[in-house]
PDB file of N, CA and C in Angstrom:
ATOM      1  N   UNK A   1     101.798  98.519 107.339  1.00  0.00           N
ATOM      2  CA  UNK A   1     101.072  98.705 106.185  1.00  0.00           C
ATOM      3  C   UNK A   1     100.343 100.056 106.320  1.00  0.00           C
ATOM      4  N   UNK A   2     100.094 100.735 104.885  1.00  0.00           N
ATOM      5  CA  UNK A   2      99.418 102.049 104.854  1.00  0.00           C
ATOM      6  C   UNK A   2      98.437 101.897 103.844  1.00  0.00           C
ATOM      7  N   UNK A   3      97.192 102.311 104.408  1.00  0.00           N
ATOM      8  CA  UNK A   3      96.150 102.541 103.587  1.00  0.00           C
ATOM      9  C   UNK A   3      95.860 104.057 103.445  1.00  0.00           C
ATOM     10  N   UNK A   4      95.780 104.555 102.259  1.00  0.00           N
ATOM     11  CA  UNK A   4      95.624 105.866 101.857  1.00  0.00           C
ATOM     12  C   UNK A   4      93.938 106.114 101.897  1.00  0.00           C
ATOM     13  N   UNK A   5      93.640 107.044 102.742  1.00  0.00           N
ATOM     14  CA  UNK A   5      92.208 107.500 102.829  1.00  0.00           C
ATOM     15  C   UNK A   5      92.090 108.765 102.160  1.00  0.00           C
ATOM     16  N   UNK A   6      91.291 108.837 101.042  1.00  0.00           N
ATOM     17  CA  UNK A   6      91.013 110.189 100.246  1.00  0.00           C
ATOM     18  C   UNK A   6      89.777 110.789 100.453  1.00  0.00           C
ATOM     19  N   UNK A   7      89.723 111.928 100.998  1.00  0.00           N
ATOM     20  CA  UNK A   7      88.355 112.578 101.226  1.00  0.00           C
ATOM     21  C   UNK A   7      88.613 113.959 100.397  1.00  0.00           C
ATOM     22  N   UNK A   8      87.561 114.112  99.476  1.00  0.00           N
ATOM     23  CA  UNK A   8      87.755 115.226  98.612  1.00  0.00           C
ATOM     24  C   UNK A   8      89.089 115.400  97.939  1.00  0.00           C
ATOM     25  N   UNK A   9      89.888 116.393  98.282  1.00  0.00           N
ATOM     26  CA  UNK A   9      91.296 116.514  97.716  1.00  0.00           C
ATOM     27  C   UNK A   9      92.213 116.240  98.738  1.00  0.00           C
ATOM     28  N   UNK A  10      91.990 115.733  99.870  1.00  0.00           N
ATOM     29  CA  UNK A  10      92.976 115.501 100.976  1.00  0.00           C
ATOM     30  C   UNK A  10      93.196 114.023 101.206  1.00  0.00           C
ATOM     31  N   UNK A  11      94.477 113.771 101.258  1.00  0.00           N
ATOM     32  CA  UNK A  11      95.030 112.342 101.327  1.00  0.00           C
ATOM     33  C   UNK A  11      95.510 112.127 102.645  1.00  0.00           C
ATOM     34  N   UNK A  12      95.019 111.104 103.386  1.00  0.00           N
ATOM     35  CA  UNK A  12      95.496 110.687 104.750  1.00  0.00           C
ATOM     36  C   UNK A  12      96.134 109.362 104.674  1.00  0.00           C
ATOM     37  N   UNK A  13      97.335 109.338 104.925  1.00  0.00           N
ATOM     38  CA  UNK A  13      97.823 107.973 104.878  1.00  0.00           C
ATOM     39  C   UNK A  13      97.938 107.306 106.346  1.00  0.00           C
ATOM     40  N   UNK A  14      97.127 106.309 106.492  1.00  0.00           N
ATOM     41  CA  UNK A  14      96.899 105.625 107.761  1.00  0.00           C
ATOM     42  C   UNK A  14      97.775 104.599 107.819  1.00  0.00           C
ATOM     43  N   UNK A  15      98.800 104.513 108.865  1.00  0.00           N
ATOM     44  CA  UNK A  15      99.677 103.479 109.274  1.00  0.00           C
ATOM     45  C   UNK A  15      99.067 102.553 109.988  1.00  0.00           C
ATOM     46  N   UNK A  16      99.100 101.173 109.740  1.00  0.00           N
ATOM     47  CA  UNK A  16      98.363 100.152 110.435  1.00  0.00           C
ATOM     48  C   UNK A  16      99.516  99.190 110.586  1.00  0.00           C
ATOM     49  N   UNK A  17      99.948  98.975 111.808  1.00  0.00           N
ATOM     50  CA  UNK A  17     100.810  97.870 112.210  1.00  0.00           C
ATOM     51  C   UNK A  17     100.370  96.552 111.863  1.00  0.00           C
ATOM     52  N   UNK A  18     101.047  95.702 111.409  1.00  0.00           N
ATOM     53  CA  UNK A  18     100.704  94.154 111.070  1.00  0.00           C
ATOM     54  C   UNK A  18     100.118  93.484 112.266  1.00  0.00           C
ATOM     55  N   UNK A  19     100.679  93.838 113.385  1.00  0.00           N
ATOM     56  CA  UNK A  19     100.048  93.342 114.639  1.00  0.00           C
ATOM     57  C   UNK A  19      98.553  93.468 114.850  1.00  0.00           C
ATOM     58  N   UNK A  20      98.175  94.718 114.512  1.00  0.00           N
ATOM     59  CA  UNK A  20      96.731  94.973 114.602  1.00  0.00           C
ATOM     60  C   UNK A  20      95.953  94.029 113.700  1.00  0.00           C
ATOM     61  N   UNK A  21      96.431  94.021 112.420  1.00  0.00           N
ATOM     62  CA  UNK A  21      95.569  93.321 111.483  1.00  0.00           C
ATOM     63  C   UNK A  21      95.546  91.709 111.965  1.00  0.00           C
ATOM     64  N   UNK A  22      96.570  91.271 112.556  1.00  0.00           N
ATOM     65  CA  UNK A  22      96.685  89.945 113.061  1.00  0.00           C
ATOM     66  C   UNK A  22      95.853  89.616 114.276  1.00  0.00           C
ATOM     67  N   UNK A  23      95.718  90.679 115.069  1.00  0.00           N
ATOM     68  CA  UNK A  23      95.152  90.433 116.340  1.00  0.00           C
ATOM     69  C   UNK A  23      93.842  90.989 116.629  1.00  0.00           C
ATOM     70  N   UNK A  24      93.322  91.631 115.667  1.00  0.00           N
ATOM     71  CA  UNK A  24      91.978  92.275 115.773  1.00  0.00           C
ATOM     72  C   UNK A  24      90.892  91.636 115.012  1.00  0.00           C
ATOM     73  N   UNK A  25      91.069  90.206 114.753  1.00  0.00           N
ATOM     74  CA  UNK A  25      90.068  89.449 114.063  1.00  0.00           C
ATOM     75  C   UNK A  25      88.649  89.450 114.750  1.00  0.00           C
ATOM     76  N   UNK A  26      88.545  89.520 116.168  1.00  0.00           N
ATOM     77  CA  UNK A  26      87.397  89.370 116.919  1.00  0.00           C
ATOM     78  C   UNK A  26      86.658  90.775 116.571  1.00  0.00           C
ATOM     79  N   UNK A  27      87.397  91.894 116.588  1.00  0.00           N
ATOM     80  CA  UNK A  27      86.632  93.169 116.382  1.00  0.00           C
ATOM     81  C   UNK A  27      86.198  93.261 114.821  1.00  0.00           C
ATOM     82  N   UNK A  28      86.910  92.770 113.949  1.00  0.00           N
ATOM     83  CA  UNK A  28      86.553  92.604 112.496  1.00  0.00           C
ATOM     84  C   UNK A  28      85.227  91.603 112.378  1.00  0.00           C
ATOM     85  N   UNK A  29      85.472  90.671 113.019  1.00  0.00           N
ATOM     86  CA  UNK A  29      84.156  89.812 113.053  1.00  0.00           C
ATOM     87  C   UNK A  29      82.798  90.465 113.505  1.00  0.00           C
ATOM     88  N   UNK A  30      82.954  91.273 114.575  1.00  0.00           N
ATOM     89  CA  UNK A  30      81.863  91.913 115.102  1.00  0.00           C
ATOM     90  C   UNK A  30      81.283  92.988 114.039  1.00  0.00           C
ATOM     91  N   UNK A  31      82.203  93.672 113.372  1.00  0.00           N
ATOM     92  CA  UNK A  31      81.804  94.726 112.238  1.00  0.00           C
ATOM     93  C   UNK A  31      81.116  93.762 111.231  1.00  0.00           C
ATOM     94  N   UNK A  32      81.519  92.631 110.818  1.00  0.00           N
ATOM     95  CA  UNK A  32      80.894  91.895 109.860  1.00  0.00           C
ATOM     96  C   UNK A  32      79.517  91.248 110.215  1.00  0.00           C
ATOM     97  N   UNK A  33      79.551  90.872 111.561  1.00  0.00           N
ATOM     98  CA  UNK A  33      78.232  90.502 112.025  1.00  0.00           C
ATOM     99  C   UNK A  33      77.042  91.641 112.041  1.00  0.00           C
ATOM    100  N   UNK A  34      77.602  92.816 112.273  1.00  0.00           N
ATOM    101  CA  UNK A  34      76.634  93.933 112.251  1.00  0.00           C
ATOM    102  C   UNK A  34      76.027  94.232 110.898  1.00  0.00           C
ATOM    103  N   UNK A  35      76.774  93.825 109.869  1.00  0.00           N
ATOM    104  CA  UNK A  35      76.417  94.051 108.423  1.00  0.00           C
ATOM    105  C   UNK A  35      75.739  92.894 107.862  1.00  0.00           C
ATOM    106  N   UNK A  36      75.871  91.726 108.478  1.00  0.00           N
ATOM    107  CA  UNK A  36      75.308  90.577 107.953  1.00  0.00           C
ATOM    108  C   UNK A  36      73.816  90.511 107.585  1.00  0.00           C
ATOM    109  N   UNK A  37      73.040  91.386 108.571  1.00  0.00           N
ATOM    110  CA  UNK A  37      71.639  91.420 108.194  1.00  0.00           C
ATOM    111  C   UNK A  37      71.144  92.599 107.449  1.00  0.00           C
ATOM    112  N   UNK A  38      72.211  93.164 106.651  1.00  0.00           N
ATOM    113  CA  UNK A  38      71.911  94.270 105.829  1.00  0.00           C
ATOM    114  C   UNK A  38      72.312  95.604 106.208  1.00  0.00           C
ATOM    115  N   UNK A  39      72.246  96.563 105.414  1.00  0.00           N
ATOM    116  CA  UNK A  39      72.727  97.915 105.746  1.00  0.00           C
ATOM    117  C   UNK A  39      71.996  98.993 104.983  1.00  0.00           C
ATOM    118  N   UNK A  40      71.649 100.197 105.551  1.00  0.00           N
ATOM    119  CA  UNK A  40      71.105 101.206 104.863  1.00  0.00           C
ATOM    120  C   UNK A  40      72.379 101.918 104.287  1.00  0.00           C
ATOM    121  N   UNK A  41      72.483 101.892 103.006  1.00  0.00           N
ATOM    122  CA  UNK A  41      73.591 102.646 102.240  1.00  0.00           C
ATOM    123  C   UNK A  41      73.007 103.737 101.520  1.00  0.00           C
ATOM    124  N   UNK A  42      73.188 105.017 102.088  1.00  0.00           N
ATOM    125  CA  UNK A  42      72.606 106.264 101.617  1.00  0.00           C
ATOM    126  C   UNK A  42      71.123 105.894 101.366  1.00  0.00           C
ATOM    127  N   UNK A  43      70.464 105.989 100.321  1.00  0.00           N
ATOM    128  CA  UNK A  43      69.024 105.792 100.074  1.00  0.00           C
ATOM    129  C   UNK A  43      68.755 104.341  99.796  1.00  0.00           C
ATOM    130  N   UNK A  44      69.668 103.433  99.593  1.00  0.00           N
ATOM    131  CA  UNK A  44      69.346 102.004  99.268  1.00  0.00           C
ATOM    132  C   UNK A  44      69.632 101.189 100.424  1.00  0.00           C
ATOM    133  N   UNK A  45      68.693 100.147 100.626  1.00  0.00           N
ATOM    134  CA  UNK A  45      68.939  99.092 101.586  1.00  0.00           C
ATOM    135  C   UNK A  45      69.425  97.936 100.872  1.00  0.00           C
ATOM    136  N   UNK A  46      70.717  97.460 101.386  1.00  0.00           N
ATOM    137  CA  UNK A  46      71.484  96.476 100.796  1.00  0.00           C
ATOM    138  C   UNK A  46      71.330  95.243 101.628  1.00  0.00           C
ATOM    139  N   UNK A  47      70.595  94.152 101.331  1.00  0.00           N
ATOM    140  CA  UNK A  47      70.249  93.092 102.221  1.00  0.00           C
ATOM    141  C   UNK A  47      71.463  92.223 102.603  1.00  0.00           C
ATOM    142  N   UNK A  48      72.382  92.027 101.786  1.00  0.00           N
ATOM    143  CA  UNK A  48      73.626  91.175 102.081  1.00  0.00           C
ATOM    144  C   UNK A  48      74.846  91.865 101.414  1.00  0.00           C
ATOM    145  N   UNK A  49      75.469  92.827 102.121  1.00  0.00           N
ATOM    146  CA  UNK A  49      76.482  93.602 101.581  1.00  0.00           C
ATOM    147  C   UNK A  49      77.774  92.676 101.102  1.00  0.00           C
ATOM    148  N   UNK A  50      78.225  92.892  99.924  1.00  0.00           N
ATOM    149  CA  UNK A  50      79.274  92.162  99.349  1.00  0.00           C
ATOM    150  C   UNK A  50      80.741  92.907 100.053  1.00  0.00           C
ATOM    151  N   UNK A  51      81.878  92.298  99.828  1.00  0.00           N
ATOM    152  CA  UNK A  51      82.998  92.700 100.369  1.00  0.00           C
ATOM    153  C   UNK A  51      83.313  94.274 100.045  1.00  0.00           C
ATOM    154  N   UNK A  52      83.132  94.651  98.875  1.00  0.00           N
ATOM    155  CA  UNK A  52      83.274  96.079  98.354  1.00  0.00           C
ATOM    156  C   UNK A  52      82.311  96.945  99.135  1.00  0.00           C
ATOM    157  N   UNK A  53      81.109  96.616  99.334  1.00  0.00           N
ATOM    158  CA  UNK A  53      80.114  97.315 100.020  1.00  0.00           C
ATOM    159  C   UNK A  53      80.411  97.415 101.485  1.00  0.00           C
ATOM    160  N   UNK A  54      80.862  96.329 102.018  1.00  0.00           N
ATOM    161  CA  UNK A  54      81.320  96.484 103.490  1.00  0.00           C
ATOM    162  C   UNK A  54      82.539  97.354 103.608  1.00  0.00           C
ATOM    163  N   UNK A  55      83.325  97.575 102.746  1.00  0.00           N
ATOM    164  CA  UNK A  55      84.326  98.606 102.729  1.00  0.00           C
ATOM    165  C   UNK A  55      83.768  99.941 102.560  1.00  0.00           C
ATOM    166  N   UNK A  56      82.937  99.973 101.696  1.00  0.00           N
ATOM    167  CA  UNK A  56      82.225 101.374 101.596  1.00  0.00           C
ATOM    168  C   UNK A  56      81.410 101.751 102.883  1.00  0.00           C
ATOM    169  N   UNK A  57      80.852 100.924 103.667  1.00  0.00           N
ATOM    170  CA  UNK A  57      80.274 101.192 104.867  1.00  0.00           C
ATOM    171  C   UNK A  57      81.346 101.513 105.955  1.00  0.00           C
ATOM    172  N   UNK A  58      82.342 100.769 105.976  1.00  0.00           N
ATOM    173  CA  UNK A  58      83.530 101.192 106.813  1.00  0.00           C
ATOM    174  C   UNK A  58      84.094 102.688 106.504  1.00  0.00           C
ATOM    175  N   UNK A  59      84.058 102.898 105.239  1.00  0.00           N
ATOM    176  CA  UNK A  59      84.432 104.212 104.775  1.00  0.00           C
ATOM    177  C   UNK A  59      83.801 105.161 105.352  1.00  0.00           C
ATOM    178  N   UNK A  60      82.313 104.962 105.472  1.00  0.00           N
ATOM    179  CA  UNK A  60      81.477 105.950 106.055  1.00  0.00           C
ATOM    180  C   UNK A  60      81.809 106.150 107.516  1.00  0.00           C
ATOM    181  N   UNK A  61      82.183 104.953 108.226  1.00  0.00           N
ATOM    182  CA  UNK A  61      82.456 104.985 109.577  1.00  0.00           C
ATOM    183  C   UNK A  61      83.721 105.808 109.909  1.00  0.00           C
ATOM    184  N   UNK A  62      84.598 105.654 108.861  1.00  0.00           N
ATOM    185  CA  UNK A  62      85.895 106.277 108.950  1.00  0.00           C
ATOM    186  C   UNK A  62      85.618 107.847 108.947  1.00  0.00           C
ATOM    187  N   UNK A  63      84.796 108.224 108.072  1.00  0.00           N
ATOM    188  CA  UNK A  63      84.415 109.638 107.912  1.00  0.00           C
ATOM    189  C   UNK A  63      83.976 110.315 109.142  1.00  0.00           C
ATOM    190  N   UNK A  64      83.167 109.579 109.984  1.00  0.00           N
ATOM    191  CA  UNK A  64      82.695 109.920 111.167  1.00  0.00           C
ATOM    192  C   UNK A  64      83.767 109.913 112.243  1.00  0.00           C
ATOM    193  N   UNK A  65      84.657 108.858 112.193  1.00  0.00           N
ATOM    194  CA  UNK A  65      85.784 108.886 113.091  1.00  0.00           C
ATOM    195  C   UNK A  65      86.792 109.998 112.827  1.00  0.00           C
ATOM    196  N   UNK A  66      86.948 110.441 111.472  1.00  0.00           N
ATOM    197  CA  UNK A  66      87.698 111.551 111.211  1.00  0.00           C
ATOM    198  C   UNK A  66      87.184 112.904 111.940  1.00  0.00           C
ATOM    199  N   UNK A  67      85.835 113.075 111.652  1.00  0.00           N
ATOM    200  CA  UNK A  67      85.199 114.231 112.099  1.00  0.00           C
ATOM    201  C   UNK A  67      85.304 114.424 113.788  1.00  0.00           C
ATOM    202  N   UNK A  68      85.331 113.233 114.363  1.00  0.00           N
ATOM    203  CA  UNK A  68      85.451 113.201 115.866  1.00  0.00           C
ATOM    204  C   UNK A  68      86.964 112.995 116.329  1.00  0.00           C
ATOM    205  N   UNK A  69      87.795 113.174 115.259  1.00  0.00           N
ATOM    206  CA  UNK A  69      89.183 113.057 115.739  1.00  0.00           C
ATOM    207  C   UNK A  69      89.579 111.828 116.528  1.00  0.00           C
ATOM    208  N   UNK A  70      88.920 110.753 116.144  1.00  0.00           N
ATOM    209  CA  UNK A  70      89.321 109.412 116.675  1.00  0.00           C
ATOM    210  C   UNK A  70      90.305 108.514 115.916  1.00  0.00           C
ATOM    211  N   UNK A  71      91.642 108.952 116.120  1.00  0.00           N
ATOM    212  CA  UNK A  71      92.640 108.273 115.394  1.00  0.00           C
ATOM    213  C   UNK A  71      92.693 106.771 115.499  1.00  0.00           C
ATOM    214  N   UNK A  72      92.401 106.241 116.887  1.00  0.00           N
ATOM    215  CA  UNK A  72      92.542 104.936 117.089  1.00  0.00           C
ATOM    216  C   UNK A  72      91.606 104.099 116.179  1.00  0.00           C
ATOM    217  N   UNK A  73      90.134 104.805 116.190  1.00  0.00           N
ATOM    218  CA  UNK A  73      89.232 104.017 115.463  1.00  0.00           C
ATOM    219  C   UNK A  73      89.561 104.041 113.885  1.00  0.00           C
ATOM    220  N   UNK A  74      90.339 105.151 113.479  1.00  0.00           N
ATOM    221  CA  UNK A  74      90.738 105.190 112.185  1.00  0.00           C
ATOM    222  C   UNK A  74      91.598 103.952 111.742  1.00  0.00           C
ATOM    223  N   UNK A  75      92.563 103.753 112.616  1.00  0.00           N
ATOM    224  CA  UNK A  75      93.482 102.745 112.529  1.00  0.00           C
ATOM    225  C   UNK A  75      92.767 101.434 112.523  1.00  0.00           C
ATOM    226  N   UNK A  76      91.997 101.164 113.299  1.00  0.00           N
ATOM    227  CA  UNK A  76      91.112  99.843 113.478  1.00  0.00           C
ATOM    228  C   UNK A  76      90.395  99.563 112.244  1.00  0.00           C
ATOM    229  N   UNK A  77      89.718 100.676 111.732  1.00  0.00           N
ATOM    230  CA  UNK A  77      88.853 100.582 110.522  1.00  0.00           C
ATOM    231  C   UNK A  77      89.684 100.312 109.245  1.00  0.00           C
ATOM    232  N   UNK A  78      90.725 100.982 109.154  1.00  0.00           N
ATOM    233  CA  UNK A  78      91.753 100.738 108.095  1.00  0.00           C
ATOM    234  C   UNK A  78      92.274  99.430 108.213  1.00  0.00           C
ATOM    235  N   UNK A  79      92.578  98.838 109.359  1.00  0.00           N
ATOM    236  CA  UNK A  79      93.062  97.423 109.538  1.00  0.00           C
ATOM    237  C   UNK A  79      91.862  96.602 109.080  1.00  0.00           C
ATOM    238  N   UNK A  80      90.673  96.817 109.255  1.00  0.00           N
ATOM    239  CA  UNK A  80      89.676  96.047 108.788  1.00  0.00           C
ATOM    240  C   UNK A  80      89.731  95.709 107.189  1.00  0.00           C
ATOM    241  N   UNK A  81      89.733  97.085 106.578  1.00  0.00           N
ATOM    242  CA  UNK A  81      89.856  97.054 105.206  1.00  0.00           C
ATOM    243  C   UNK A  81      91.091  96.120 104.673  1.00  0.00           C
ATOM    244  N   UNK A  82      92.168  96.367 105.341  1.00  0.00           N
ATOM    245  CA  UNK A  82      93.458  95.647 104.817  1.00  0.00           C
ATOM    246  C   UNK A  82      93.322  94.078 105.082  1.00  0.00           C
ATOM    247  N   UNK A  83      92.742  93.813 106.224  1.00  0.00           N
ATOM    248  CA  UNK A  83      92.543  92.394 106.547  1.00  0.00           C
ATOM    249  C   UNK A  83      91.588  91.762 105.755  1.00  0.00           C
ATOM    250  N   UNK A  84      90.499  92.395 105.266  1.00  0.00           N
ATOM    251  CA  UNK A  84      89.496  91.828 104.417  1.00  0.00           C
ATOM    252  C   UNK A  84      89.842  91.866 102.785  1.00  0.00           C
ATOM    253  N   UNK A  85      90.614  92.868 102.541  1.00  0.00           N
ATOM    254  CA  UNK A  85      91.149  93.064 101.155  1.00  0.00           C
ATOM    255  C   UNK A  85      92.523  93.408 101.096  1.00  0.00           C
ATOM    256  N   UNK A  86      93.339  92.386 101.242  1.00  0.00           N
ATOM    257  CA  UNK A  86      94.837  92.652 101.558  1.00  0.00           C
ATOM    258  C   UNK A  86      95.601  93.371 100.269  1.00  0.00           C
ATOM    259  N   UNK A  87      94.885  93.414  99.087  1.00  0.00           N
ATOM    260  CA  UNK A  87      95.469  94.184  98.073  1.00  0.00           C
ATOM    261  C   UNK A  87      95.045  95.698  98.002  1.00  0.00           C
ATOM    262  N   UNK A  88      94.131  96.096  98.985  1.00  0.00           N
ATOM    263  CA  UNK A  88      93.594  97.426  98.917  1.00  0.00           C
ATOM    264  C   UNK A  88      94.823  98.477  99.150  1.00  0.00           C
ATOM    265  N   UNK A  89      94.882  99.474  98.403  1.00  0.00           N
ATOM    266  CA  UNK A  89      95.789 100.590  98.563  1.00  0.00           C
ATOM    267  C   UNK A  89      95.236 101.736  99.014  1.00  0.00           C
ATOM    268  N   UNK A  90      94.032 102.036  98.636  1.00  0.00           N
ATOM    269  CA  UNK A  90      93.441 103.433  99.113  1.00  0.00           C
ATOM    270  C   UNK A  90      91.798 103.185  99.061  1.00  0.00           C
ATOM    271  N   UNK A  91      91.280 104.087  99.905  1.00  0.00           N
ATOM    272  CA  UNK A  91      89.894 104.159  99.994  1.00  0.00           C
ATOM    273  C   UNK A  91      89.489 105.564  99.710  1.00  0.00           C
ATOM    274  N   UNK A  92      88.715 105.895  98.713  1.00  0.00           N
ATOM    275  CA  UNK A  92      88.336 107.374  98.361  1.00  0.00           C
ATOM    276  C   UNK A  92      86.903 107.403  98.924  1.00  0.00           C
ATOM    277  N   UNK A  93      86.881 108.179  99.987  1.00  0.00           N
ATOM    278  CA  UNK A  93      85.503 108.135 100.605  1.00  0.00           C
ATOM    279  C   UNK A  93      84.684 109.395 100.031  1.00  0.00           C
ATOM    280  N   UNK A  94      83.471 109.113  99.685  1.00  0.00           N
ATOM    281  CA  UNK A  94      82.505 110.093  99.241  1.00  0.00           C
ATOM    282  C   UNK A  94      81.988 110.812 100.570  1.00  0.00           C
ATOM    283  N   UNK A  95      82.147 112.175 100.480  1.00  0.00           N
ATOM    284  CA  UNK A  95      81.694 112.842 101.650  1.00  0.00           C
ATOM    285  C   UNK A  95      80.463 113.670 101.520  1.00  0.00           C
ATOM    286  N   UNK A  96      79.734 113.148 100.447  1.00  0.00           N
ATOM    287  CA  UNK A  96      78.377 113.891 100.172  1.00  0.00           C
ATOM    288  C   UNK A  96      77.291 113.077 100.621  1.00  0.00           C
ATOM    289  N   UNK A  97      77.497 112.024 101.380  1.00  0.00           N
ATOM    290  CA  UNK A  97      76.457 111.148 101.870  1.00  0.00           C
ATOM    291  C   UNK A  97      76.036 109.924 100.885  1.00  0.00           C
ATOM    292  N   UNK A  98      76.795 109.813  99.910  1.00  0.00           N
ATOM    293  CA  UNK A  98      76.497 108.673  98.943  1.00  0.00           C
ATOM    294  C   UNK A  98      77.557 107.550  99.202  1.00  0.00           C
ATOM    295  N   UNK A  99      77.285 106.627 100.169  1.00  0.00           N
ATOM    296  CA  UNK A  99      78.291 105.683 100.389  1.00  0.00           C
ATOM    297  C   UNK A  99      78.644 104.755  99.245  1.00  0.00           C
ATOM    298  N   UNK A 100      77.649 104.652  98.352  1.00  0.00           N
ATOM    299  CA  UNK A 100      77.811 103.680  97.233  1.00  0.00           C
ATOM    300  C   UNK A 100      78.908 104.237  96.181  1.00  0.00           C
ATOM    301  N   UNK A 101      79.191 105.580  96.399  1.00  0.00           N
ATOM    302  CA  UNK A 101      80.202 106.245  95.529  1.00  0.00           C
ATOM    303  C   UNK A 101      81.723 106.132  96.193  1.00  0.00           C
ATOM    304  N   UNK A 102      81.702 105.642  97.383  1.00  0.00           N
ATOM    305  CA  UNK A 102      82.926 105.496  97.833  1.00  0.00           C
ATOM    306  C   UNK A 102      83.956 104.254  97.113  1.00  0.00           C
ATOM    307  N   UNK A 103      84.994 104.514  96.748  1.00  0.00           N
ATOM    308  CA  UNK A 103      85.777 103.728  95.928  1.00  0.00           C
ATOM    309  C   UNK A 103      86.935 102.949  96.556  1.00  0.00           C
ATOM    310  N   UNK A 104      87.028 101.755  96.412  1.00  0.00           N
ATOM    311  CA  UNK A 104      88.126 100.960  97.014  1.00  0.00           C
ATOM    312  C   UNK A 104      88.992 100.799  95.815  1.00  0.00           C
ATOM    313  N   UNK A 105      90.408 101.193  95.985  1.00  0.00           N
ATOM    314  CA  UNK A 105      91.314 101.102  95.032  1.00  0.00           C
ATOM    315  C   UNK A 105      92.322  99.987  95.451  1.00  0.00           C
ATOM    316  N   UNK A 106      92.559  99.116  94.465  1.00  0.00           N
ATOM    317  CA  UNK A 106      93.577  97.868  94.771  1.00  0.00           C
ATOM    318  C   UNK A 106      94.825  98.248  94.159  1.00  0.00           C
ATOM    319  N   UNK A 107      95.940  97.662  94.727  1.00  0.00           N
ATOM    320  CA  UNK A 107      97.211  97.794  94.419  1.00  0.00           C
ATOM    321  C   UNK A 107      97.479  97.094  92.971  1.00  0.00           C
TER     322      UNK A 107
END
């Protein structure tokens, strides 16, 4: 599967093997558990992030992974999005520090 990551005017197609989506459930559960108690999203505290907000949070983590050239983490985070929202086709990540402006695009 491919998830397109869009940052500003750049498109990064991230190829995610189905095997990773199937086998990384424990990793995905840890991500969810971290967010279960709320999350600081830009200037706003979100007590119980919904699925879209969780994908926005993951998008922010992707931005950091890209800046650190951590391709493996990019694939795992993309797999998280695809596992939690199977109809996701792209994630348009806001790079100006406004997590709530990140857009999840469905197929």
